[in-house]
């Protein structure tokens, strides 16, 4: 199959393209750097000619509320219109577990808007909602830092390795469209503050982690199940300790 990966040079996209090519598929890494830009529409028609599946794992370059909404709505409309013209038979999008459970998080609201465009497009689709990536634990700690203390809500957390995300998205991409949503998550579930504390200790970071029910997650209030699947989910294989071992070995 010809599969175009929007955001194909990024953290997830580059891994996904490699997996699909290893599986014998004609996988195209689409990104502004390769001359294909969903935000402007540049190169989309040419790239999607003869394409069976489009996988959208692109991310907004800005996390400012208006900018992120503009990105996902504009890129989404451009991409879906080009897919309709090209006769694409399956649209796969990477979204976030809990998008519809945290309305005060601007990024999550933008992902909800993106999902709505997909559902309303008429193109057969699969939406893969993922938990947070293990690769972003350091950034999460930084976002909750006040002085030498990291304040995080004690809700549950189930982060997943980028390698597992790519593998699970690849499985969905080569299967028939779900015309629905599937959740993916890491194999280990624990309290948010405790898992970030484990991460900081493992990397030798002296900051203390404090459980604070009022702490916000990129602007959103975190309840007990805000960030984890609440039903069936497909799980990755790589837990925090294994990921840390791999990361330190590669350093």
Protein backbone atom coordinates (compact mmCIF):
# COMPACT_ATOMS: atom_id res chain seq x y z
CA UNK A 1 0.00 0.00 0.00
CA UNK A 2 0.97 3.59 -0.48
CA UNK A 3 0.78 5.30 2.91
CA UNK A 4 1.49 9.00 3.36
CA UNK A 5 2.53 9.97 6.88
CA UNK A 6 1.81 13.62 7.66
CA UNK A 7 4.43 14.70 10.18
CA UNK A 8 6.58 11.90 8.85
CA UNK A 9 9.91 13.40 9.95
CA UNK A 10 8.97 13.92 13.63
CA UNK A 11 9.34 11.83 16.77
CA UNK A 12 6.51 9.41 15.95
CA UNK A 13 6.38 9.91 12.20
CA UNK A 14 9.98 8.95 11.50
CA UNK A 15 9.59 5.72 13.47
CA UNK A 16 6.27 5.00 11.77
CA UNK A 17 7.66 5.50 8.27
CA UNK A 18 10.54 3.13 9.03
CA UNK A 19 8.17 0.44 10.35
CA UNK A 20 5.84 0.71 7.36
CA UNK A 21 8.72 0.52 4.89
CA UNK A 22 10.09 -2.51 6.73
CA UNK A 23 6.64 -4.06 6.28
CA UNK A 24 6.87 -3.66 2.53
CA UNK A 25 4.69 -0.56 2.15
CA UNK A 26 5.40 2.53 0.09
CA UNK A 27 5.56 4.97 3.00
CA UNK A 28 6.03 8.66 2.25
CA UNK A 29 7.36 11.03 4.93
CA UNK A 30 5.33 14.19 4.44
CA UNK A 31 6.45 17.38 6.17
CA UNK A 32 7.28 20.98 5.20
CA UNK A 33 10.94 19.92 4.98
CA UNK A 34 10.01 17.36 2.30
CA UNK A 35 7.88 19.85 0.35
CA UNK A 36 4.49 18.73 1.69
CA UNK A 37 2.71 21.15 4.01
CA UNK A 38 -0.81 20.40 5.26
CA UNK A 39 -1.10 23.86 6.83
CA UNK A 40 -0.67 25.67 3.49
CA UNK A 41 -1.76 22.81 1.24
CA UNK A 42 1.55 22.88 -0.62
CA UNK A 43 2.38 19.56 -2.28
CA UNK A 44 -0.64 17.71 -0.90
CA UNK A 45 -2.33 16.88 -4.20
CA UNK A 46 0.87 15.48 -5.69
CA UNK A 47 1.77 13.50 -2.58
CA UNK A 48 -1.68 11.94 -2.21
CA UNK A 49 -2.01 10.77 -5.81
CA UNK A 50 -2.51 6.99 -5.71
CA UNK A 51 -2.47 6.93 -1.91
CA UNK A 52 -4.41 4.26 -0.02
CA UNK A 53 -3.93 5.48 3.56
CA UNK A 54 -3.03 8.81 5.16
CA UNK A 55 -1.71 8.83 8.73
CA UNK A 56 -1.67 12.23 10.41
CA UNK A 57 0.77 12.47 13.30
CA UNK A 58 1.66 16.13 12.72
CA UNK A 59 1.83 18.52 15.64
CA UNK A 60 1.35 22.25 15.93
CA UNK A 61 4.62 24.23 16.04
CA UNK A 62 3.02 26.49 18.67
CA UNK A 63 1.07 25.53 21.79
CA UNK A 64 -0.53 28.97 22.18
CA UNK A 65 -4.29 28.44 22.35
CA UNK A 66 -5.35 30.26 19.20
CA UNK A 67 -2.39 29.05 17.18
CA UNK A 68 -2.93 25.39 18.01
CA UNK A 69 -6.64 25.57 17.18
CA UNK A 70 -5.84 27.31 13.89
CA UNK A 71 -3.24 24.69 13.04
CA UNK A 72 -5.41 21.63 13.58
CA UNK A 73 -8.49 23.12 11.93
CA UNK A 74 -6.71 24.55 8.89
CA UNK A 75 -4.39 21.59 8.34
CA UNK A 76 -7.27 19.20 8.96
CA UNK A 77 -9.52 20.82 6.38
CA UNK A 78 -6.74 21.00 3.78
CA UNK A 79 -5.73 17.41 4.32
CA UNK A 80 -9.22 15.93 4.29
CA UNK A 81 -10.21 17.87 1.18
CA UNK A 82 -7.10 16.64 -0.65
CA UNK A 83 -7.81 13.08 0.50
CA UNK A 84 -11.37 13.27 -0.84
CA UNK A 85 -10.06 14.48 -4.21
CA UNK A 86 -7.46 11.68 -4.30
CA UNK A 87 -9.86 8.92 -3.27
CA UNK A 88 -7.94 8.00 -0.11
CA UNK A 89 -9.63 5.01 1.53
CA UNK A 90 -8.47 5.34 5.15
CA UNK A 91 -7.55 8.34 7.30
CA UNK A 92 -5.69 7.61 10.54
CA UNK A 93 -5.10 10.35 13.09
CA UNK A 94 -3.07 10.35 16.28
CA UNK A 95 -4.95 12.11 19.07
CA UNK A 96 -4.83 12.16 22.89
CA UNK A 97 -6.50 10.07 25.57
CA UNK A 98 -8.78 12.34 27.57
CA UNK A 99 -9.28 15.05 24.93
CA UNK A 100 -12.99 15.17 25.71
CA UNK A 101 -12.47 15.09 29.49
CA UNK A 102 -10.36 18.24 29.93
CA UNK A 103 -12.19 21.18 28.29
CA UNK A 104 -10.06 23.83 30.02
CA UNK A 105 -6.93 22.61 28.22
CA UNK A 106 -6.63 24.58 24.96
CA UNK A 107 -4.54 21.93 23.21
CA UNK A 108 -7.08 19.24 24.04
CA UNK A 109 -9.90 21.43 22.70
CA UNK A 110 -8.01 21.75 19.42
CA UNK A 111 -7.66 17.97 19.17
CA UNK A 112 -11.42 17.59 19.76
CA UNK A 113 -12.00 20.00 16.86
CA UNK A 114 -9.61 17.99 14.67
CA UNK A 115 -11.42 14.76 15.52
CA UNK A 116 -14.80 16.33 14.64
CA UNK A 117 -13.53 17.29 11.18
CA UNK A 118 -12.41 13.70 10.59
CA UNK A 119 -15.70 12.16 11.69
CA UNK A 120 -17.70 14.60 9.55
CA UNK A 121 -15.50 14.20 6.44
CA UNK A 122 -17.11 11.03 5.13
CA UNK A 123 -13.70 9.41 4.66
CA UNK A 124 -13.31 6.03 6.43
CA UNK A 125 -11.19 6.72 9.49
CA UNK A 126 -9.48 5.48 12.62
CA UNK A 127 -8.64 7.82 15.50
CA UNK A 128 -5.87 6.58 17.78
CA UNK A 129 -5.91 8.34 21.14
CA UNK A 130 -2.60 7.98 22.97
CA UNK A 131 -1.54 8.73 26.51
CA UNK A 132 1.43 11.05 27.03
CA UNK A 133 4.80 9.95 25.70
CA UNK A 134 7.59 8.88 28.03
CA UNK A 135 9.89 11.11 25.99
CA UNK A 136 8.07 14.17 27.37
CA UNK A 137 8.41 13.44 31.10
CA UNK A 138 11.18 16.01 31.47
CA UNK A 139 9.01 18.70 29.88
CA UNK A 140 6.10 17.81 32.13
CA UNK A 141 8.31 18.15 35.21
CA UNK A 142 9.53 21.52 33.96
CA UNK A 143 5.97 22.74 33.42
CA UNK A 144 5.07 21.95 37.03
CA UNK A 145 8.21 23.38 38.62
CA UNK A 146 8.07 26.21 41.14
CA UNK A 147 11.51 26.92 42.55
CA UNK A 148 13.00 23.55 43.42
CA UNK A 149 9.63 21.77 43.68
CA UNK A 150 7.52 20.05 41.06
CA UNK A 151 3.80 20.27 41.78
CA UNK A 152 1.64 17.69 40.01
CA UNK A 153 -1.88 16.41 40.46
CA UNK A 154 -2.17 12.92 41.97
CA UNK A 155 -4.41 11.60 39.18
CA UNK A 156 -3.48 8.41 37.37
CA UNK A 157 -0.88 8.43 34.58
CA UNK A 158 0.01 5.76 32.02
CA UNK A 159 2.71 7.10 29.67
CA UNK A 160 3.78 5.25 26.53
CA UNK A 161 7.09 5.07 24.66
CA UNK A 162 7.24 6.67 21.21
CA UNK A 163 8.46 3.35 19.82
CA UNK A 164 5.27 1.67 21.03
CA UNK A 165 3.10 4.49 19.70
CA UNK A 166 4.58 4.05 16.23
CA UNK A 167 4.09 0.27 16.31
CA UNK A 168 0.47 0.51 17.44
CA UNK A 169 -0.38 3.23 14.93
CA UNK A 170 1.24 1.15 12.17
CA UNK A 171 -1.01 -1.77 13.10
CA UNK A 172 -4.08 0.45 12.77
CA UNK A 173 -2.89 1.97 9.49
CA UNK A 174 -2.62 -1.35 7.66
CA UNK A 175 -5.91 -2.72 9.04
CA UNK A 176 -9.44 -1.86 7.83
CA UNK A 177 -10.80 1.48 9.07
CA UNK A 178 -12.37 1.39 12.53
CA UNK A 179 -14.70 4.32 11.87
CA UNK A 180 -14.17 4.92 15.55
CA UNK A 181 -11.62 5.50 18.29
CA UNK A 182 -9.04 3.22 19.87
CA UNK A 183 -7.03 4.16 22.99
CA UNK A 184 -3.37 3.22 23.37
CA UNK A 185 -1.28 3.48 26.54
CA UNK A 186 1.85 2.26 28.25
CA UNK A 187 1.91 -0.99 30.21
CA UNK A 188 2.26 0.70 33.61
CA UNK A 189 -0.31 2.84 35.44
CA UNK A 190 0.58 4.86 38.54
CA UNK A 191 -0.09 8.20 40.18
CA UNK A 192 1.10 11.12 38.08
CA UNK A 193 3.26 12.66 40.79
CA UNK A 194 4.81 9.34 41.80
CA UNK A 195 5.79 8.38 38.26
CA UNK A 196 7.39 11.75 37.56
CA UNK A 197 9.19 11.42 40.89
CA UNK A 198 10.59 8.05 39.81
CA UNK A 199 11.75 9.57 36.55
CA UNK A 200 13.51 12.49 38.23
CA UNK A 201 15.24 10.21 40.73
CA UNK A 202 16.42 7.90 37.95
CA UNK A 203 18.00 10.76 36.00
CA UNK A 204 19.61 12.27 39.09
CA UNK A 205 17.37 15.33 39.30
CA UNK A 206 17.16 16.62 42.91
CA UNK A 207 13.79 18.36 42.57
CA UNK A 208 11.13 17.19 45.01
CA UNK A 209 7.72 16.21 43.63
CA UNK A 210 4.66 17.27 45.62
CA UNK A 211 1.13 15.96 45.06
CA UNK A 212 -1.13 18.97 44.60
CA UNK A 213 -4.76 18.38 43.54
CA UNK A 214 -4.93 21.98 42.30
CA UNK A 215 -1.89 21.68 40.02
CA UNK A 216 -2.78 22.16 36.35
CA UNK A 217 -1.62 20.09 33.41
CA UNK A 218 -0.84 22.62 30.67
CA UNK A 219 -3.81 24.67 31.86
CA UNK A 220 -6.20 21.78 32.48
CA UNK A 221 -7.47 20.46 35.78
CA UNK A 222 -6.54 16.80 36.31
CA UNK A 223 -9.08 14.47 37.90
CA UNK A 224 -8.36 10.87 38.85
CA UNK A 225 -8.94 9.41 35.37
CA UNK A 226 -8.35 12.48 33.17
CA UNK A 227 -5.17 11.17 31.54
CA UNK A 228 -5.72 7.41 31.27
CA UNK A 229 -8.01 5.13 29.25
CA UNK A 230 -11.29 4.42 31.01
CA UNK A 231 -12.18 1.39 28.88
CA UNK A 232 -10.37 -1.08 26.65
CA UNK A 233 -6.97 0.01 25.36
CA UNK A 234 -4.12 -1.44 23.36
CA UNK A 235 -0.99 -1.42 25.48
CA UNK A 236 2.65 -0.95 24.58
CA UNK A 237 5.46 -3.16 25.84
CA UNK A 238 7.96 -0.63 27.19
CA UNK A 239 7.55 0.48 30.81
CA UNK A 240 9.30 3.37 32.54
CA UNK A 241 12.29 1.39 33.84
CA UNK A 242 12.91 -0.32 30.49
CA UNK A 243 12.61 3.01 28.68
CA UNK A 244 15.03 4.68 31.08
CA UNK A 245 17.52 1.84 30.60
CA UNK A 246 17.29 2.15 26.81
CA UNK A 247 17.57 5.92 26.93
CA UNK A 248 20.62 5.88 29.18
CA UNK A 249 22.27 3.15 27.09
CA UNK A 250 21.77 5.24 23.96
CA UNK A 251 23.14 8.42 25.55
